[in-house]
Amino acid sequence: MGIIYVTGGARSGKSNFAEMLSENGKERVYLATAKIYDEEMRERVRKHHVQRGERWTTVEAHSCLDKVLGKHAADKDLILVDCLTNMVANLMLDERNLDWDKISTEKVIEIEMEVMKELEKLIDFSKSFPGKVIVVSNELGMGIVPSYPLGRHFRDIAGRANQRVAQESDEAYLLVSGISVKLK
C-alpha cells in the first residue's frame, strides 16, 4: 500500500493529521521513536498516548526499526512512525560522548552513514510491508541556521533523511498551522 510522508514544523499538526490518515487501519502499530529524558517529555508522551487511545499497539524504539516492526507488525495493516527526527537525533547521540563543537568532518560523515543505513532498512521494510506506513518528521530547513555545530549537523542529517523518505513515499504532505498541503 505504500509510504505516506507527513512533515511540518513543531506544533503544526503533523501527528494529528497522521493519526487521521490512519483511521481506516484495523490493526495498527504506533512506533514511537522518542526517548524520555525528563518530565516534560514524559508528559508529552502521556498526552499522545491518551489522544491515540487503546486501539493501537505502541512500540518504542529508535534503532533496528525493521526488526522491531517485523516482530510487532506481522499481523497489522498500518504502521505510524512518529517521528523520524527523533530517530535521527537518538541515533546521532546514542551512547556517544562526543564533543560536537570539535567533531571532525569524517566523524560526522560516519554518523550520517549509520543514520542513513538505519533509514534504508526502514524504507526497505516499509516497501515490503503489505499495509500502509505513515512516517512523520519535522521540517527543519525553514528556520534559522543553528548557532552551534550539533544543531547544524542534526539539521543537515535530518534534512537529508527527510528528502530520502519523501523521495520513496507514494504520498507526501506538509502541515502548516494545522492545514495540510499535499506535495505528491
N, C-alpha and C. Protein backbone atom coordinates (compact mmCIF):
# COMPACT_ATOMS: atom_id res chain seq x y z
N MET A 1 0.83 -1.20 0.00
CA MET A 1 0.00 0.00 0.00
C MET A 1 0.87 1.25 0.00
N GLY A 2 2.09 1.17 0.51
CA GLY A 2 2.98 2.29 0.33
C GLY A 2 3.28 3.12 1.54
N ILE A 3 4.15 4.11 1.29
CA ILE A 3 4.63 5.01 2.33
C ILE A 3 3.95 6.37 2.16
N ILE A 4 3.46 6.89 3.26
CA ILE A 4 2.92 8.25 3.31
C ILE A 4 3.84 9.06 4.22
N TYR A 5 4.35 10.16 3.72
CA TYR A 5 5.28 11.02 4.46
C TYR A 5 4.53 12.29 4.88
N VAL A 6 4.65 12.62 6.17
CA VAL A 6 3.99 13.81 6.73
C VAL A 6 5.05 14.65 7.43
N THR A 7 5.19 15.89 6.99
CA THR A 7 6.19 16.77 7.58
C THR A 7 5.58 18.13 7.90
N GLY A 8 6.30 18.90 8.68
CA GLY A 8 5.87 20.25 9.05
C GLY A 8 6.69 20.70 10.24
N GLY A 9 6.46 21.92 10.65
CA GLY A 9 7.18 22.47 11.79
C GLY A 9 6.63 21.94 13.11
N ALA A 10 7.28 22.35 14.18
CA ALA A 10 6.83 21.98 15.53
C ALA A 10 5.42 22.51 15.76
N ARG A 11 4.57 21.67 16.30
CA ARG A 11 3.20 22.02 16.63
C ARG A 11 2.37 22.44 15.41
N SER A 12 2.73 21.87 14.25
CA SER A 12 1.99 22.20 13.03
C SER A 12 0.76 21.32 12.83
N GLY A 13 0.63 20.26 13.62
CA GLY A 13 -0.49 19.34 13.49
C GLY A 13 -0.14 18.05 12.77
N LYS A 14 1.16 17.77 12.63
CA LYS A 14 1.61 16.58 11.91
C LYS A 14 1.05 15.29 12.49
N SER A 15 1.22 15.11 13.79
CA SER A 15 0.79 13.85 14.41
C SER A 15 -0.72 13.68 14.32
N ASN A 16 -1.46 14.74 14.57
CA ASN A 16 -2.92 14.65 14.46
C ASN A 16 -3.34 14.27 13.05
N PHE A 17 -2.71 14.89 12.06
CA PHE A 17 -3.02 14.60 10.67
C PHE A 17 -2.67 13.14 10.35
N ALA A 18 -1.50 12.69 10.78
CA ALA A 18 -1.09 11.30 10.52
C ALA A 18 -2.07 10.33 11.17
N GLU A 19 -2.51 10.64 12.37
CA GLU A 19 -3.48 9.76 13.04
C GLU A 19 -4.81 9.76 12.30
N MET A 20 -5.20 10.92 11.75
CA MET A 20 -6.42 10.99 10.96
C MET A 20 -6.29 10.11 9.71
N LEU A 21 -5.11 10.14 9.07
CA LEU A 21 -4.88 9.30 7.89
C LEU A 21 -4.93 7.82 8.24
N SER A 22 -4.69 7.49 9.48
CA SER A 22 -4.63 6.09 9.89
C SER A 22 -5.96 5.55 10.39
N GLU A 23 -7.00 6.34 10.36
CA GLU A 23 -8.28 5.91 10.92
C GLU A 23 -8.83 4.64 10.29
N ASN A 24 -8.53 4.39 9.02
CA ASN A 24 -9.06 3.19 8.37
C ASN A 24 -8.30 1.93 8.72
N GLY A 25 -7.17 2.08 9.38
CA GLY A 25 -6.40 0.91 9.78
C GLY A 25 -7.13 0.13 10.86
N LYS A 26 -7.22 -1.18 10.67
CA LYS A 26 -7.90 -2.01 11.66
C LYS A 26 -6.93 -2.48 12.73
N GLU A 27 -5.77 -2.92 12.30
CA GLU A 27 -4.73 -3.41 13.21
C GLU A 27 -3.52 -2.51 13.04
N ARG A 28 -3.32 -1.61 14.01
CA ARG A 28 -2.34 -0.54 13.85
C ARG A 28 -1.21 -0.61 14.88
N VAL A 29 -0.01 -0.25 14.40
CA VAL A 29 1.16 -0.14 15.26
C VAL A 29 1.61 1.31 15.26
N TYR A 30 1.81 1.85 16.45
CA TYR A 30 2.38 3.19 16.61
C TYR A 30 3.81 2.99 17.08
N LEU A 31 4.76 3.35 16.22
CA LEU A 31 6.17 3.24 16.57
C LEU A 31 6.66 4.59 17.05
N ALA A 32 6.88 4.69 18.35
CA ALA A 32 7.35 5.92 18.98
C ALA A 32 8.87 5.89 19.05
N THR A 33 9.52 6.90 18.46
CA THR A 33 10.98 6.90 18.40
C THR A 33 11.62 7.80 19.44
N ALA A 34 10.82 8.48 20.24
CA ALA A 34 11.36 9.41 21.24
C ALA A 34 11.88 8.66 22.46
N LYS A 35 12.87 9.24 23.09
CA LYS A 35 13.34 8.76 24.38
C LYS A 35 12.84 9.75 25.43
N ILE A 36 12.49 9.23 26.58
CA ILE A 36 12.01 10.09 27.66
C ILE A 36 13.20 10.47 28.53
N TYR A 37 13.57 11.74 28.45
CA TYR A 37 14.72 12.25 29.21
C TYR A 37 14.32 13.06 30.43
N ASP A 38 13.09 13.57 30.45
CA ASP A 38 12.69 14.44 31.56
C ASP A 38 11.17 14.41 31.70
N GLU A 39 10.67 15.13 32.68
CA GLU A 39 9.23 15.13 32.97
C GLU A 39 8.42 15.77 31.85
N GLU A 40 8.97 16.80 31.22
CA GLU A 40 8.26 17.44 30.12
C GLU A 40 8.01 16.43 28.99
N MET A 41 9.04 15.66 28.64
CA MET A 41 8.88 14.65 27.58
C MET A 41 7.95 13.54 28.04
N ARG A 42 8.04 13.15 29.29
CA ARG A 42 7.15 12.12 29.82
C ARG A 42 5.68 12.56 29.68
N GLU A 43 5.41 13.83 29.96
CA GLU A 43 4.05 14.36 29.85
C GLU A 43 3.60 14.41 28.39
N ARG A 44 4.49 14.80 27.49
CA ARG A 44 4.15 14.83 26.06
C ARG A 44 3.79 13.43 25.57
N VAL A 45 4.58 12.44 25.96
CA VAL A 45 4.32 11.06 25.56
C VAL A 45 2.98 10.60 26.13
N ARG A 46 2.72 10.93 27.38
CA ARG A 46 1.45 10.55 28.01
C ARG A 46 0.26 11.14 27.25
N LYS A 47 0.36 12.42 26.89
CA LYS A 47 -0.73 13.08 26.15
C LYS A 47 -0.95 12.44 24.80
N HIS A 48 0.13 12.11 24.10
CA HIS A 48 0.00 11.45 22.80
C HIS A 48 -0.68 10.09 22.97
N HIS A 49 -0.31 9.36 24.01
CA HIS A 49 -0.89 8.04 24.25
C HIS A 49 -2.39 8.15 24.52
N VAL A 50 -2.78 9.10 25.36
CA VAL A 50 -4.20 9.31 25.67
C VAL A 50 -4.96 9.69 24.41
N GLN A 51 -4.37 10.57 23.62
CA GLN A 51 -5.01 11.04 22.38
C GLN A 51 -5.25 9.87 21.42
N ARG A 52 -4.28 8.96 21.30
CA ARG A 52 -4.42 7.82 20.39
C ARG A 52 -5.45 6.82 20.89
N GLY A 53 -5.53 6.65 22.18
CA GLY A 53 -6.44 5.66 22.72
C GLY A 53 -5.83 4.27 22.71
N GLU A 54 -6.65 3.30 22.99
CA GLU A 54 -6.19 1.92 23.15
C GLU A 54 -6.26 1.10 21.87
N ARG A 55 -6.62 1.72 20.77
CA ARG A 55 -6.77 0.96 19.53
C ARG A 55 -5.44 0.73 18.81
N TRP A 56 -4.36 1.13 19.44
CA TRP A 56 -3.03 1.00 18.84
C TRP A 56 -2.17 0.03 19.65
N THR A 57 -1.30 -0.67 18.96
CA THR A 57 -0.20 -1.36 19.62
C THR A 57 0.96 -0.38 19.60
N THR A 58 1.42 0.06 20.75
CA THR A 58 2.51 1.03 20.81
C THR A 58 3.82 0.32 21.07
N VAL A 59 4.81 0.66 20.25
CA VAL A 59 6.15 0.10 20.36
C VAL A 59 7.11 1.28 20.43
N GLU A 60 8.08 1.21 21.34
CA GLU A 60 9.06 2.28 21.49
C GLU A 60 10.42 1.77 21.04
N ALA A 61 10.99 2.44 20.03
CA ALA A 61 12.33 2.08 19.53
C ALA A 61 12.81 3.20 18.62
N HIS A 62 14.12 3.32 18.49
CA HIS A 62 14.68 4.29 17.56
C HIS A 62 15.77 3.68 16.68
N SER A 63 16.06 2.42 16.90
CA SER A 63 17.05 1.72 16.06
C SER A 63 16.54 0.32 15.77
N CYS A 64 17.14 -0.29 14.78
CA CYS A 64 16.72 -1.64 14.34
C CYS A 64 15.22 -1.68 14.07
N LEU A 65 14.71 -0.62 13.47
CA LEU A 65 13.27 -0.49 13.29
C LEU A 65 12.70 -1.59 12.40
N ASP A 66 13.47 -2.03 11.42
CA ASP A 66 13.00 -3.11 10.56
C ASP A 66 12.75 -4.38 11.37
N LYS A 67 13.63 -4.67 12.30
CA LYS A 67 13.46 -5.87 13.14
C LYS A 67 12.33 -5.69 14.14
N VAL A 68 12.27 -4.51 14.74
CA VAL A 68 11.20 -4.22 15.71
C VAL A 68 9.84 -4.33 15.03
N LEU A 69 9.72 -3.71 13.86
CA LEU A 69 8.44 -3.76 13.15
C LEU A 69 8.14 -5.15 12.63
N GLY A 70 9.16 -5.86 12.20
CA GLY A 70 8.96 -7.24 11.76
C GLY A 70 8.36 -8.10 12.86
N LYS A 71 8.77 -7.81 14.08
CA LYS A 71 8.28 -8.57 15.24
C LYS A 71 6.87 -8.15 15.66
N HIS A 72 6.59 -6.83 15.61
CA HIS A 72 5.34 -6.32 16.17
C HIS A 72 4.26 -6.01 15.13
N ALA A 73 4.60 -6.00 13.85
CA ALA A 73 3.63 -5.58 12.84
C ALA A 73 3.26 -6.68 11.86
N ALA A 74 3.66 -7.90 12.14
CA ALA A 74 3.43 -9.00 11.20
C ALA A 74 1.95 -9.17 10.85
N ASP A 75 1.07 -8.99 11.80
CA ASP A 75 -0.35 -9.19 11.57
C ASP A 75 -1.12 -7.87 11.51
N LYS A 76 -0.42 -6.77 11.26
CA LYS A 76 -1.05 -5.44 11.25
C LYS A 76 -1.22 -4.95 9.82
N ASP A 77 -2.06 -3.93 9.65
CA ASP A 77 -2.26 -3.37 8.31
C ASP A 77 -1.82 -1.91 8.21
N LEU A 78 -1.37 -1.33 9.33
CA LEU A 78 -0.94 0.06 9.30
C LEU A 78 0.13 0.30 10.36
N ILE A 79 1.15 1.06 9.97
CA ILE A 79 2.21 1.45 10.89
C ILE A 79 2.35 2.96 10.83
N LEU A 80 2.40 3.59 11.99
CA LEU A 80 2.67 5.03 12.08
C LEU A 80 3.98 5.20 12.83
N VAL A 81 4.97 5.78 12.15
CA VAL A 81 6.28 6.05 12.73
C VAL A 81 6.31 7.52 13.11
N ASP A 82 6.45 7.81 14.40
CA ASP A 82 6.43 9.20 14.88
C ASP A 82 7.53 9.36 15.92
N CYS A 83 8.62 9.97 15.61
CA CYS A 83 8.89 10.65 14.35
C CYS A 83 10.32 10.41 13.90
N LEU A 84 10.55 10.67 12.62
CA LEU A 84 11.86 10.45 12.01
C LEU A 84 12.93 11.32 12.64
N THR A 85 12.62 12.56 12.96
CA THR A 85 13.64 13.44 13.53
C THR A 85 14.08 12.99 14.91
N ASN A 86 13.18 12.44 15.70
CA ASN A 86 13.59 11.86 16.99
C ASN A 86 14.50 10.67 16.77
N MET A 87 14.18 9.86 15.76
CA MET A 87 15.03 8.72 15.45
C MET A 87 16.44 9.19 15.09
N VAL A 88 16.53 10.20 14.22
CA VAL A 88 17.83 10.73 13.80
C VAL A 88 18.60 11.26 15.00
N ALA A 89 17.94 12.06 15.83
CA ALA A 89 18.62 12.64 17.00
C ALA A 89 19.13 11.54 17.93
N ASN A 90 18.29 10.56 18.19
CA ASN A 90 18.69 9.48 19.11
C ASN A 90 19.83 8.65 18.53
N LEU A 91 19.81 8.41 17.23
CA LEU A 91 20.92 7.67 16.62
C LEU A 91 22.21 8.49 16.65
N MET A 92 22.10 9.79 16.44
CA MET A 92 23.29 10.64 16.47
C MET A 92 23.92 10.67 17.86
N LEU A 93 23.07 10.66 18.88
CA LEU A 93 23.56 10.83 20.24
C LEU A 93 23.71 9.52 21.01
N ASP A 94 23.21 8.44 20.44
CA ASP A 94 23.21 7.14 21.12
C ASP A 94 24.57 6.78 21.70
N GLU A 95 24.63 6.73 22.98
CA GLU A 95 25.81 6.26 23.69
C GLU A 95 27.11 6.84 23.11
N ARG A 96 27.03 8.05 22.69
CA ARG A 96 28.20 8.74 22.15
C ARG A 96 28.56 9.88 23.10
N ASN A 97 29.76 9.91 23.49
CA ASN A 97 30.24 11.01 24.32
C ASN A 97 31.18 11.85 23.45
N LEU A 98 30.58 12.56 22.50
CA LEU A 98 31.35 13.31 21.52
C LEU A 98 31.34 14.80 21.86
N ASP A 99 32.40 15.45 21.54
CA ASP A 99 32.45 16.91 21.63
C ASP A 99 32.02 17.45 20.27
N TRP A 100 30.74 17.75 20.13
CA TRP A 100 30.20 18.19 18.86
C TRP A 100 30.76 19.54 18.42
N ASP A 101 31.34 20.29 19.34
CA ASP A 101 31.96 21.57 18.97
C ASP A 101 33.29 21.34 18.25
N LYS A 102 33.90 20.18 18.44
CA LYS A 102 35.21 19.90 17.85
C LYS A 102 35.21 18.63 17.00
N ILE A 103 34.05 18.15 16.64
CA ILE A 103 33.95 16.90 15.90
C ILE A 103 34.54 17.06 14.49
N SER A 104 35.17 16.01 14.01
CA SER A 104 35.77 16.05 12.67
C SER A 104 34.70 15.81 11.61
N THR A 105 34.97 16.30 10.43
CA THR A 105 34.06 16.08 9.30
C THR A 105 33.92 14.59 9.02
N GLU A 106 35.00 13.86 9.14
CA GLU A 106 34.96 12.42 8.90
C GLU A 106 34.02 11.71 9.87
N LYS A 107 34.05 12.12 11.14
CA LYS A 107 33.18 11.51 12.15
C LYS A 107 31.71 11.84 11.86
N VAL A 108 31.44 13.06 11.46
CA VAL A 108 30.06 13.44 11.12
C VAL A 108 29.58 12.60 9.94
N ILE A 109 30.41 12.42 8.94
CA ILE A 109 30.06 11.60 7.78
C ILE A 109 29.79 10.16 8.21
N GLU A 110 30.61 9.63 9.09
CA GLU A 110 30.42 8.26 9.61
C GLU A 110 29.08 8.13 10.33
N ILE A 111 28.76 9.10 11.16
CA ILE A 111 27.49 9.08 11.89
C ILE A 111 26.32 9.18 10.93
N GLU A 112 26.43 10.07 9.93
CA GLU A 112 25.35 10.20 8.95
C GLU A 112 25.17 8.89 8.18
N MET A 113 26.25 8.24 7.85
CA MET A 113 26.14 6.97 7.13
C MET A 113 25.42 5.92 7.98
N GLU A 114 25.67 5.91 9.29
CA GLU A 114 24.98 4.99 10.20
C GLU A 114 23.48 5.30 10.23
N VAL A 115 23.16 6.59 10.32
CA VAL A 115 21.75 7.02 10.35
C VAL A 115 21.07 6.61 9.04
N MET A 116 21.71 6.88 7.92
CA MET A 116 21.10 6.57 6.63
C MET A 116 20.98 5.07 6.40
N LYS A 117 21.91 4.29 6.93
CA LYS A 117 21.81 2.83 6.84
C LYS A 117 20.56 2.35 7.59
N GLU A 118 20.36 2.91 8.78
CA GLU A 118 19.16 2.57 9.56
C GLU A 118 17.90 2.98 8.81
N LEU A 119 17.94 4.15 8.21
CA LEU A 119 16.79 4.66 7.46
C LEU A 119 16.49 3.76 6.25
N GLU A 120 17.52 3.33 5.55
CA GLU A 120 17.31 2.45 4.39
C GLU A 120 16.64 1.14 4.80
N LYS A 121 17.00 0.63 5.96
CA LYS A 121 16.34 -0.59 6.45
C LYS A 121 14.86 -0.34 6.70
N LEU A 122 14.54 0.83 7.27
CA LEU A 122 13.13 1.19 7.49
C LEU A 122 12.40 1.33 6.16
N ILE A 123 13.03 1.99 5.20
CA ILE A 123 12.39 2.16 3.88
C ILE A 123 12.17 0.80 3.22
N ASP A 124 13.17 -0.06 3.25
CA ASP A 124 13.03 -1.39 2.65
C ASP A 124 11.91 -2.18 3.31
N PHE A 125 11.86 -2.12 4.65
CA PHE A 125 10.77 -2.80 5.36
C PHE A 125 9.43 -2.23 4.92
N SER A 126 9.34 -0.91 4.87
CA SER A 126 8.08 -0.24 4.51
C SER A 126 7.61 -0.61 3.12
N LYS A 127 8.53 -0.73 2.20
CA LYS A 127 8.18 -1.09 0.82
C LYS A 127 7.68 -2.53 0.72
N SER A 128 8.16 -3.40 1.60
CA SER A 128 7.73 -4.80 1.55
C SER A 128 6.51 -5.05 2.43
N PHE A 129 6.17 -4.11 3.30
CA PHE A 129 5.02 -4.26 4.20
C PHE A 129 3.73 -4.21 3.37
N PRO A 130 2.82 -5.15 3.58
CA PRO A 130 1.61 -5.19 2.76
C PRO A 130 0.61 -4.08 3.07
N GLY A 131 0.77 -3.40 4.19
CA GLY A 131 -0.16 -2.33 4.54
C GLY A 131 0.44 -0.96 4.29
N LYS A 132 -0.12 0.01 4.97
CA LYS A 132 0.30 1.40 4.83
C LYS A 132 1.28 1.75 5.94
N VAL A 133 2.33 2.52 5.59
CA VAL A 133 3.29 3.02 6.57
C VAL A 133 3.29 4.54 6.48
N ILE A 134 2.99 5.19 7.59
CA ILE A 134 2.98 6.65 7.65
C ILE A 134 4.19 7.07 8.47
N VAL A 135 5.02 7.94 7.89
CA VAL A 135 6.22 8.42 8.56
C VAL A 135 6.07 9.92 8.80
N VAL A 136 6.16 10.31 10.07
CA VAL A 136 6.06 11.72 10.47
C VAL A 136 7.46 12.24 10.73
N SER A 137 7.72 13.48 10.30
CA SER A 137 9.02 14.08 10.55
C SER A 137 8.88 15.59 10.65
N ASN A 138 9.83 16.21 11.30
CA ASN A 138 9.85 17.67 11.41
C ASN A 138 10.59 18.27 10.23
N GLU A 139 10.03 19.34 9.68
CA GLU A 139 10.72 20.10 8.64
C GLU A 139 11.62 21.09 9.36
N LEU A 140 12.92 20.90 9.23
CA LEU A 140 13.89 21.71 9.97
C LEU A 140 14.55 22.79 9.14
N GLY A 141 14.38 22.76 7.84
CA GLY A 141 15.12 23.65 6.97
C GLY A 141 14.52 25.03 6.77
N MET A 142 13.44 25.35 7.43
CA MET A 142 12.79 26.64 7.21
C MET A 142 13.10 27.66 8.30
N GLY A 143 13.86 27.23 9.28
CA GLY A 143 14.18 28.14 10.39
C GLY A 143 15.56 28.73 10.23
N ILE A 144 16.02 29.36 11.28
CA ILE A 144 17.35 29.95 11.26
C ILE A 144 18.41 28.86 11.31
N VAL A 145 19.58 29.17 10.84
CA VAL A 145 20.69 28.24 10.92
C VAL A 145 21.14 28.18 12.38
N PRO A 146 21.18 26.97 12.96
CA PRO A 146 21.60 26.88 14.36
C PRO A 146 23.00 27.45 14.58
N SER A 147 23.20 28.07 15.73
CA SER A 147 24.48 28.73 16.01
C SER A 147 25.53 27.76 16.54
N TYR A 148 25.16 26.52 16.81
CA TYR A 148 26.10 25.56 17.38
C TYR A 148 26.23 24.36 16.45
N PRO A 149 27.41 23.73 16.42
CA PRO A 149 27.68 22.64 15.47
C PRO A 149 26.70 21.47 15.55
N LEU A 150 26.36 21.00 16.76
CA LEU A 150 25.45 19.86 16.86
C LEU A 150 24.13 20.18 16.17
N GLY A 151 23.61 21.37 16.39
CA GLY A 151 22.35 21.77 15.76
C GLY A 151 22.44 21.79 14.24
N ARG A 152 23.54 22.29 13.73
CA ARG A 152 23.72 22.33 12.27
C ARG A 152 23.86 20.92 11.70
N HIS A 153 24.64 20.07 12.37
CA HIS A 153 24.79 18.69 11.87
C HIS A 153 23.46 17.95 11.93
N PHE A 154 22.73 18.13 13.01
CA PHE A 154 21.42 17.49 13.14
C PHE A 154 20.48 17.96 12.04
N ARG A 155 20.42 19.28 11.84
CA ARG A 155 19.53 19.83 10.80
C ARG A 155 19.89 19.24 9.44
N ASP A 156 21.17 19.16 9.13
CA ASP A 156 21.60 18.66 7.82
C ASP A 156 21.30 17.17 7.65
N ILE A 157 21.62 16.37 8.65
CA ILE A 157 21.38 14.93 8.56
C ILE A 157 19.88 14.64 8.52
N ALA A 158 19.12 15.29 9.38
CA ALA A 158 17.67 15.09 9.38
C ALA A 158 17.06 15.56 8.06
N GLY A 159 17.57 16.66 7.53
CA GLY A 159 17.06 17.16 6.25
C GLY A 159 17.28 16.16 5.12
N ARG A 160 18.46 15.56 5.09
CA ARG A 160 18.73 14.55 4.05
C ARG A 160 17.89 13.29 4.29
N ALA A 161 17.67 12.93 5.54
CA ALA A 161 16.80 11.78 5.84
C ALA A 161 15.37 12.07 5.37
N ASN A 162 14.90 13.29 5.63
CA ASN A 162 13.56 13.69 5.17
C ASN A 162 13.46 13.58 3.65
N GLN A 163 14.48 14.07 2.96
CA GLN A 163 14.46 14.00 1.50
C GLN A 163 14.35 12.56 1.01
N ARG A 164 15.08 11.68 1.68
CA ARG A 164 15.10 10.27 1.26
C ARG A 164 13.72 9.63 1.44
N VAL A 165 13.10 9.87 2.58
CA VAL A 165 11.76 9.29 2.80
C VAL A 165 10.75 9.91 1.85
N ALA A 166 10.82 11.21 1.65
CA ALA A 166 9.89 11.88 0.72
C ALA A 166 10.05 11.32 -0.69
N GLN A 167 11.28 11.08 -1.08
CA GLN A 167 11.57 10.53 -2.41
C GLN A 167 10.92 9.16 -2.59
N GLU A 168 10.94 8.34 -1.55
CA GLU A 168 10.40 6.98 -1.63
C GLU A 168 8.91 6.90 -1.34
N SER A 169 8.32 8.00 -0.89
CA SER A 169 6.91 7.96 -0.50
C SER A 169 5.99 7.97 -1.71
N ASP A 170 4.81 7.41 -1.51
CA ASP A 170 3.77 7.43 -2.53
C ASP A 170 2.93 8.69 -2.40
N GLU A 171 2.84 9.19 -1.17
CA GLU A 171 2.15 10.45 -0.89
C GLU A 171 3.00 11.23 0.09
N ALA A 172 2.93 12.56 -0.01
CA ALA A 172 3.67 13.41 0.93
C ALA A 172 2.82 14.65 1.24
N TYR A 173 2.82 15.03 2.52
CA TYR A 173 2.04 16.17 2.97
C TYR A 173 2.91 17.10 3.81
N LEU A 174 2.66 18.38 3.68
CA LEU A 174 3.27 19.41 4.52
C LEU A 174 2.16 20.02 5.36
N LEU A 175 2.38 20.10 6.68
CA LEU A 175 1.41 20.71 7.59
C LEU A 175 1.90 22.08 8.00
N VAL A 176 1.03 23.07 7.87
CA VAL A 176 1.32 24.44 8.28
C VAL A 176 0.11 24.93 9.07
N SER A 177 0.31 25.27 10.33
CA SER A 177 -0.78 25.78 11.17
C SER A 177 -2.01 24.89 11.14
N GLY A 178 -1.79 23.58 11.14
CA GLY A 178 -2.90 22.64 11.17
C GLY A 178 -3.54 22.37 9.82
N ILE A 179 -3.05 23.00 8.76
CA ILE A 179 -3.59 22.81 7.43
C ILE A 179 -2.62 21.96 6.61
N SER A 180 -3.17 20.93 5.98
CA SER A 180 -2.31 20.05 5.18
C SER A 180 -2.26 20.53 3.73
N VAL A 181 -1.07 20.41 3.16
CA VAL A 181 -0.85 20.69 1.75
C VAL A 181 -0.27 19.42 1.14
N LYS A 182 -0.95 18.87 0.17
CA LYS A 182 -0.46 17.64 -0.46
C LYS A 182 0.67 18.01 -1.41
N LEU A 183 1.84 17.39 -1.19
CA LEU A 183 3.01 17.65 -2.02
C LEU A 183 3.09 16.67 -3.19
N LYS A 184 2.69 15.45 -2.93
CA LYS A 184 2.62 14.43 -4.01
C LYS A 184 1.69 13.32 -3.62
